[in-house]
Amino acid sequence: MTVYRTDTAQLSPLQKTAAGYLRVPSSRLTRTGVFGYVQPDGSTRRELRHPDQVFDAESLDSLRMIPVTHRHPGDLDATKARDFARGAVGDSVTHDEDSVLAPIGIFDAELIAAIEAGESELSCGYHCDFDATPGEWNGQAYDGIQTQIRYNHLAVVQRGRAGHTVALKLDSAPEVKKMATIQVSGKALECSQEIADAFAAMSKDIDSAKAAQAATAGERDVLVARADAAKAVDVRALVKARTALEREAEKHISTERFDSMSDVELQMEVVKNILPSLELKDRAPEYILAVYDAAVASRPSKATSGLAAVKGAQTTRSDAGLSPRDKMIQRQANAWKETK
């Protein structure tokens, strides 16, 4: 099967003549290797340009004196060359270990200006047969081999397939880049160096985020431990206070309903027993606690009614000789009189 192909290289070094022409004494026009070619269905086929085929004498001879064009004009012949030729490949075509070498002359001012502006890669346009026998060459898998390579023209293009080592530069296609290897889930994956660098940066950011998260988790654990300890202290204090309240309440009221009564309800019942005429309905818990403390401080016994105990205390003792604290307790115990 005969196919049409384009390969690329780069113009270097450039010499300008007195007439303004460009001359490249020895330029790399094309090279050996495995290259990808896009097929009509959009797929890419890997084709081997083996040294035996690239350096074949008849193939090299087909490069001598072919037209140099600005980009690819399609397949040329003598009837169309005058419209597209902007220079020519020289008569001496040789090769080194992996590239084909030849002198080039360019005489068109517009193309020379484009080259000086940076459009300096070369792309060979050629026909070849394709042997669809897959294999591997120098560690690279391929789908078939190009044979009977015959060149038609050499184009100056923006970017060529064979890379910057081929100088005016080869085959107009994505440049072959050095590949890097990254480790993902224990597997070595091949990718471009740009992707490997981005992956390394992303991995570093992830590690930093994990470290920050671990530090935050440690601080959180400390705070949770402190909160748990504070809760434990609060619970112990509440239990202690409730126990003291129930012990005090036992002196004044029945214990049968203790389990169903809140602290405030217990306090109200104690106050009601000691000071039955004192109305505590709709009073704030803080007020009830203050009255409870004052009432309990008077220490009336269960055998004596609250009011009688207070009155008895008043008939058996006077303010004379009382300590300031006892005077305060007595005033608080008599506070119910002011509510009448």
Protein backbone atom coordinates (compact mmCIF):
# COMPACT_ATOMS: atom_id res chain seq x y z
CA MET A 1 0.00 0.00 0.00
CA THR A 2 1.45 3.35 -1.09
CA VAL A 3 0.78 6.34 1.17
CA TYR A 4 1.73 10.04 1.19
CA ARG A 5 3.62 11.32 4.22
CA THR A 6 5.20 14.53 5.53
CA ASP A 7 8.22 14.65 7.86
CA THR A 8 10.04 17.57 9.39
CA ALA A 9 13.40 19.03 10.59
CA GLN A 10 14.96 22.50 11.28
CA LEU A 11 16.99 25.03 9.31
CA SER A 12 20.38 25.52 10.96
CA PRO A 13 22.82 27.10 10.65
CA LEU A 14 21.61 29.82 8.26
CA GLN A 15 23.87 31.83 5.97
CA LYS A 16 22.73 34.84 3.92
CA THR A 17 24.41 35.60 0.59
CA ALA A 18 25.17 39.06 -0.80
CA ALA A 19 22.01 38.78 -2.91
CA GLY A 20 19.90 38.10 0.21
CA TYR A 21 19.38 34.37 -0.37
CA LEU A 22 19.56 31.93 2.51
CA ARG A 23 21.95 29.01 2.39
CA VAL A 24 22.05 26.07 4.80
CA PRO A 25 25.30 24.17 4.12
CA SER A 26 24.20 20.95 5.86
CA SER A 27 20.70 20.63 7.27
CA ARG A 28 19.03 17.61 8.89
CA LEU A 29 16.03 16.94 6.67
CA THR A 30 14.51 13.81 8.20
CA ARG A 31 15.39 10.97 10.57
CA THR A 32 14.72 7.41 11.61
CA GLY A 33 12.30 6.43 14.40
CA VAL A 34 8.70 5.57 15.20
CA PHE A 35 6.24 8.36 14.36
CA GLY A 36 2.49 8.72 14.79
CA TYR A 37 0.37 9.51 11.72
CA VAL A 38 -3.29 10.52 11.99
CA GLN A 39 -5.54 8.33 9.85
CA PRO A 40 -8.72 9.45 8.01
CA ASP A 41 -10.87 7.97 10.81
CA GLY A 42 -9.06 10.10 13.41
CA SER A 43 -6.98 7.28 14.88
CA THR A 44 -3.18 7.42 15.07
CA ARG A 45 -0.98 4.76 13.49
CA ARG A 46 2.59 4.28 14.70
CA GLU A 47 4.89 3.83 11.69
CA LEU A 48 8.55 2.83 11.81
CA ARG A 49 11.05 4.64 9.59
CA HIS A 50 13.78 2.05 9.81
CA PRO A 51 17.38 3.03 8.93
CA ASP A 52 17.44 0.41 6.18
CA GLN A 53 14.58 2.26 4.46
CA VAL A 54 15.46 5.88 5.34
CA PHE A 55 19.10 5.46 4.24
CA ASP A 56 18.31 3.41 1.16
CA ALA A 57 20.32 4.80 -1.80
CA GLU A 58 17.30 5.30 -4.06
CA SER A 59 15.40 7.00 -1.24
CA LEU A 60 18.28 9.41 -0.58
CA ASP A 61 18.65 10.10 -4.30
CA SER A 62 14.97 11.14 -4.48
CA LEU A 63 15.80 14.08 -2.17
CA ARG A 64 18.36 15.64 -4.51
CA MET A 65 17.30 18.99 -6.02
CA ILE A 66 13.62 18.77 -4.95
CA PRO A 67 11.73 22.09 -4.45
CA VAL A 68 11.63 23.86 -1.07
CA THR A 69 8.12 25.28 -0.41
CA HIS A 70 6.45 27.47 2.22
CA ARG A 71 4.25 24.91 4.00
CA HIS A 72 2.87 21.88 2.14
CA PRO A 73 1.23 22.57 -1.24
CA GLY A 74 0.26 18.93 -1.79
CA ASP A 75 1.88 16.58 -4.27
CA LEU A 76 4.05 18.53 -6.75
CA ASP A 77 5.23 17.79 -10.27
CA ALA A 78 6.91 19.80 -13.00
CA THR A 79 3.62 21.41 -14.03
CA LYS A 80 3.04 22.93 -10.59
CA ALA A 81 6.50 23.41 -9.11
CA ARG A 82 7.00 26.94 -10.46
CA ASP A 83 3.98 28.18 -8.46
CA PHE A 84 5.28 26.86 -5.14
CA ALA A 85 9.06 26.49 -5.30
CA ARG A 86 10.82 28.99 -2.97
CA GLY A 87 14.21 27.25 -3.02
CA ALA A 88 15.78 23.81 -3.54
CA VAL A 89 17.60 20.99 -1.77
CA GLY A 90 21.23 20.61 -2.86
CA ASP A 91 22.74 17.83 -4.91
CA SER A 92 24.71 16.21 -2.08
CA VAL A 93 22.51 14.06 0.19
CA THR A 94 24.17 12.04 3.00
CA HIS A 95 23.31 10.71 6.45
CA ASP A 96 24.74 10.20 9.91
CA GLU A 97 23.65 7.68 12.54
CA ASP A 98 19.95 8.64 12.52
CA SER A 99 19.37 11.67 10.23
CA VAL A 100 19.48 12.55 6.53
CA LEU A 101 21.68 15.57 5.71
CA ALA A 102 21.72 17.91 2.69
CA PRO A 103 22.44 21.57 1.81
CA ILE A 104 19.47 23.87 1.16
CA GLY A 105 19.11 27.12 -0.72
CA ILE A 106 16.15 29.54 -0.29
CA PHE A 107 15.72 32.52 -2.62
CA ASP A 108 12.17 33.83 -1.89
CA ALA A 109 12.11 37.04 0.22
CA GLU A 110 8.74 36.30 1.84
CA LEU A 111 9.83 32.83 2.99
CA ILE A 112 13.20 34.20 4.17
CA ALA A 113 11.37 36.77 6.32
CA ALA A 114 9.16 34.01 7.81
CA ILE A 115 12.23 31.94 8.63
CA GLU A 116 13.98 34.87 10.30
CA ALA A 117 10.78 35.45 12.32
CA GLY A 118 11.02 31.91 13.69
CA GLU A 119 9.22 29.67 11.21
CA SER A 120 12.23 27.43 10.68
CA GLU A 121 11.19 23.78 10.90
CA LEU A 122 11.34 21.47 7.89
CA SER A 123 8.79 18.92 6.73
CA CYS A 124 9.46 16.43 3.96
CA GLY A 125 6.58 15.52 1.69
CA TYR A 126 6.99 11.98 0.32
CA HIS A 127 5.35 8.77 -0.84
CA CYS A 128 6.03 5.35 0.66
CA ASP A 129 4.64 1.85 0.88
CA PHE A 130 3.32 0.59 4.21
CA ASP A 131 3.98 -2.89 5.55
CA ALA A 132 1.33 -3.44 8.27
CA THR A 133 3.44 -5.85 10.30
CA PRO A 134 3.59 -4.68 13.92
CA GLY A 135 6.65 -5.01 16.12
CA GLU A 136 9.06 -3.18 18.42
CA TRP A 137 12.14 -1.11 17.60
CA ASN A 138 14.52 0.32 20.20
CA GLY A 139 11.89 -0.26 22.90
CA GLN A 140 9.10 1.46 20.91
CA ALA A 141 6.09 -0.46 19.63
CA TYR A 142 4.93 0.20 16.06
CA ASP A 143 1.98 -0.83 13.87
CA GLY A 144 3.90 -1.15 10.61
CA ILE A 145 6.96 -0.12 8.59
CA GLN A 146 7.41 2.50 5.84
CA THR A 147 9.20 1.13 2.78
CA GLN A 148 10.08 2.48 -0.70
CA ILE A 149 10.33 6.07 0.60
CA ARG A 150 10.41 8.60 -2.28
CA TYR A 151 10.53 12.36 -1.58
CA ASN A 152 8.45 14.96 -3.46
CA HIS A 153 9.25 18.33 -1.84
CA LEU A 154 10.63 19.94 1.33
CA ALA A 155 8.38 22.45 3.15
CA VAL A 156 9.22 25.13 5.72
CA VAL A 157 6.59 24.88 8.49
CA GLN A 158 5.79 26.14 11.99
CA ARG A 159 6.32 22.76 13.66
CA GLY A 160 7.51 19.40 12.41
CA ARG A 161 7.19 15.78 13.47
CA ALA A 162 10.84 14.80 13.90
CA GLY A 163 11.60 17.53 16.43
CA HIS A 164 14.07 20.37 16.73
CA THR A 165 17.09 18.13 16.11
CA VAL A 166 16.18 18.22 12.41
CA ALA A 167 17.25 21.69 11.39
CA LEU A 168 15.27 24.16 8.55
CA LYS A 169 12.74 21.26 10.88
CA LEU A 170 10.61 17.11 10.07
CA ASP A 171 6.99 16.01 9.52
CA SER A 172 4.42 18.69 10.47
CA ALA A 173 2.88 17.07 13.53
CA PRO A 174 3.08 17.27 17.34
CA GLU A 175 6.68 17.33 18.51
CA VAL A 176 7.94 14.21 20.28
CA LYS A 177 8.74 15.22 23.85
CA LYS A 178 10.87 13.58 26.51
CA MET A 179 8.63 11.53 28.74
CA ALA A 180 8.67 11.32 32.52
CA THR A 181 7.41 8.67 34.94
CA ILE A 182 5.13 9.20 37.93
CA GLN A 183 3.89 6.76 40.58
CA VAL A 184 0.09 6.51 40.96
CA SER A 185 -1.40 3.90 43.30
CA GLY A 186 1.81 1.91 43.14
CA LYS A 187 1.91 1.92 39.33
CA ALA A 188 4.52 3.67 37.17
CA LEU A 189 2.80 5.81 34.54
CA GLU A 190 4.51 7.56 31.64
CA CYS A 191 3.59 11.19 30.93
CA SER A 192 5.09 14.47 29.72
CA GLN A 193 7.51 16.35 31.96
CA GLU A 194 4.98 19.18 32.33
CA ILE A 195 2.36 16.77 33.71
CA ALA A 196 4.96 15.15 36.00
CA ASP A 197 5.92 18.58 37.40
CA ALA A 198 2.26 19.50 37.95
CA PHE A 199 1.65 16.12 39.62
CA ALA A 200 4.62 16.65 41.95
CA ALA A 201 3.37 20.12 42.90
CA MET A 202 -0.15 18.79 43.51
CA SER A 203 1.24 15.92 45.65
CA LYS A 204 3.20 18.43 47.73
CA ASP A 205 0.05 20.52 48.28
CA ILE A 206 -1.88 17.40 49.31
CA ASP A 207 0.86 16.42 51.80
CA SER A 208 0.80 19.94 53.27
CA ALA A 209 -3.00 19.82 53.56
CA LYS A 210 -2.83 16.43 55.30
CA ALA A 211 -0.23 17.73 57.76
CA ALA A 212 -2.38 20.78 58.52
CA GLN A 213 -5.44 18.55 58.93
CA ALA A 214 -3.54 16.28 61.35
CA ALA A 215 -2.44 19.31 63.38
CA THR A 216 -6.01 20.62 63.46
CA ALA A 217 -7.30 17.20 64.52
CA GLY A 218 -4.75 17.14 67.37
CA GLU A 219 -5.84 20.56 68.60
CA ARG A 220 -9.48 19.49 68.34
CA ASP A 221 -8.80 16.37 70.41
CA VAL A 222 -7.20 18.49 73.13
CA LEU A 223 -10.22 20.81 73.21
CA VAL A 224 -12.65 17.87 73.29
CA ALA A 225 -10.71 16.31 76.17
CA ARG A 226 -10.84 19.57 78.11
CA ALA A 227 -14.58 19.93 77.44
CA ASP A 228 -15.20 16.34 78.56
CA ALA A 229 -13.23 16.97 81.74
CA ALA A 230 -15.22 20.16 82.40
CA LYS A 231 -18.47 18.28 81.84
CA ALA A 232 -17.36 15.59 84.27
CA VAL A 233 -16.61 18.26 86.87
CA ASP A 234 -19.99 19.91 86.23
CA VAL A 235 -21.79 16.57 86.62
CA ARG A 236 -20.05 15.84 89.88
CA ALA A 237 -20.94 19.31 91.15
CA LEU A 238 -24.57 18.88 90.10
CA VAL A 239 -24.81 15.47 91.76
CA LYS A 240 -23.25 16.86 94.92
CA ALA A 241 -25.67 19.82 94.95
CA ARG A 242 -28.69 17.57 94.32
CA THR A 243 -27.65 15.22 97.11
CA ALA A 244 -27.32 18.13 99.51
CA LEU A 245 -30.72 19.48 98.44
CA GLU A 246 -32.45 16.13 98.99
CA ARG A 247 -30.83 15.68 102.40
CA GLU A 248 -32.05 19.11 103.44
CA ALA A 249 -35.51 18.49 102.00
CA GLU A 250 -35.82 15.24 104.00
CA LYS A 251 -35.87 17.34 107.15
CA HIS A 252 -39.02 19.14 106.06
CA ILE A 253 -41.06 17.13 103.55
CA SER A 254 -41.78 13.54 102.49
CA THR A 255 -39.21 11.85 100.25
CA GLU A 256 -41.76 9.92 98.18
CA ARG A 257 -41.83 12.39 95.25
CA PHE A 258 -38.15 13.38 95.16
CA ASP A 259 -37.39 11.45 91.96
CA SER A 260 -40.10 13.28 90.02
CA MET A 261 -39.25 16.77 91.27
CA SER A 262 -36.74 19.22 89.85
CA ASP A 263 -34.32 21.20 92.02
CA VAL A 264 -36.56 24.29 91.87
CA GLU A 265 -39.65 22.25 92.76
CA LEU A 266 -37.88 20.75 95.74
CA GLN A 267 -36.72 24.17 96.88
CA MET A 268 -40.28 25.52 96.59
CA GLU A 269 -41.67 22.63 98.64
CA VAL A 270 -39.10 23.19 101.38
CA VAL A 271 -39.84 26.93 101.48
CA LYS A 272 -43.61 26.22 101.46
CA ASN A 273 -43.19 23.93 104.45
CA ILE A 274 -41.11 26.45 106.35
CA LEU A 275 -42.96 29.60 105.23
CA PRO A 276 -46.43 28.46 104.12
CA SER A 277 -47.76 31.98 103.61
CA LEU A 278 -44.99 32.97 101.20
CA GLU A 279 -46.19 32.86 97.58
CA LEU A 280 -43.46 31.67 95.15
CA LYS A 281 -45.57 31.09 92.06
CA ASP A 282 -44.15 32.70 88.90
CA ARG A 283 -40.99 33.70 90.76
CA ALA A 284 -37.62 33.32 89.00
CA PRO A 285 -35.43 30.34 89.93
CA GLU A 286 -32.79 32.73 91.29
CA TYR A 287 -35.35 34.32 93.65
CA ILE A 288 -36.56 30.90 94.80
CA LEU A 289 -32.98 29.77 95.48
CA ALA A 290 -32.30 32.89 97.56
CA VAL A 291 -35.46 32.41 99.64
CA TYR A 292 -34.65 28.68 100.01
CA ASP A 293 -31.16 29.43 101.31
CA ALA A 294 -32.57 31.95 103.81
CA ALA A 295 -35.33 29.64 104.97
CA VAL A 296 -33.04 26.63 105.39
CA ALA A 297 -30.55 28.76 107.28
CA SER A 298 -33.14 29.23 110.04
CA ARG A 299 -33.05 25.42 110.56
CA PRO A 300 -36.67 24.83 111.74
CA SER A 301 -37.29 21.24 112.74
CA LYS A 302 -39.88 18.96 111.12
CA ALA A 303 -41.73 18.56 114.41
CA THR A 304 -42.51 22.25 114.49
CA SER A 305 -44.45 24.03 111.77
CA GLY A 306 -42.49 26.52 109.75
CA LEU A 307 -44.37 29.57 111.03
CA ALA A 308 -44.40 28.34 114.63
CA ALA A 309 -40.72 27.61 114.47
CA VAL A 310 -40.00 31.12 113.27
CA LYS A 311 -42.28 32.66 115.88
CA GLY A 312 -40.74 30.40 118.52
CA ALA A 313 -37.32 31.50 117.50
CA GLN A 314 -38.43 35.11 117.82
CA THR A 315 -39.83 34.60 121.37
CA THR A 316 -36.79 32.75 122.64
CA ARG A 317 -34.12 35.01 121.21
CA SER A 318 -33.73 38.66 120.44
CA ASP A 319 -31.38 40.70 118.32
CA ALA A 320 -29.30 41.34 121.37
CA GLY A 321 -26.18 39.26 121.35
CA LEU A 322 -26.82 37.92 117.82
CA SER A 323 -23.99 37.87 115.34
CA PRO A 324 -24.39 39.91 112.15
CA ARG A 325 -24.92 36.64 110.21
CA ASP A 326 -27.69 35.47 112.60
CA LYS A 327 -29.36 38.86 112.36
CA MET A 328 -29.39 38.58 108.55
CA ILE A 329 -30.90 35.09 108.73
CA GLN A 330 -33.60 36.28 111.11
CA ARG A 331 -34.50 39.22 108.85
CA GLN A 332 -34.78 36.90 105.86
CA ALA A 333 -36.90 34.43 107.80
CA ASN A 334 -39.32 37.25 108.76
CA ALA A 335 -39.52 38.55 105.25
CA TRP A 336 -42.85 36.76 104.72
CA LYS A 337 -44.55 39.28 107.01
CA GLU A 338 -43.88 42.03 104.45
CA THR A 339 -45.90 40.18 101.84
CA LYS A 340 -49.16 40.56 103.73
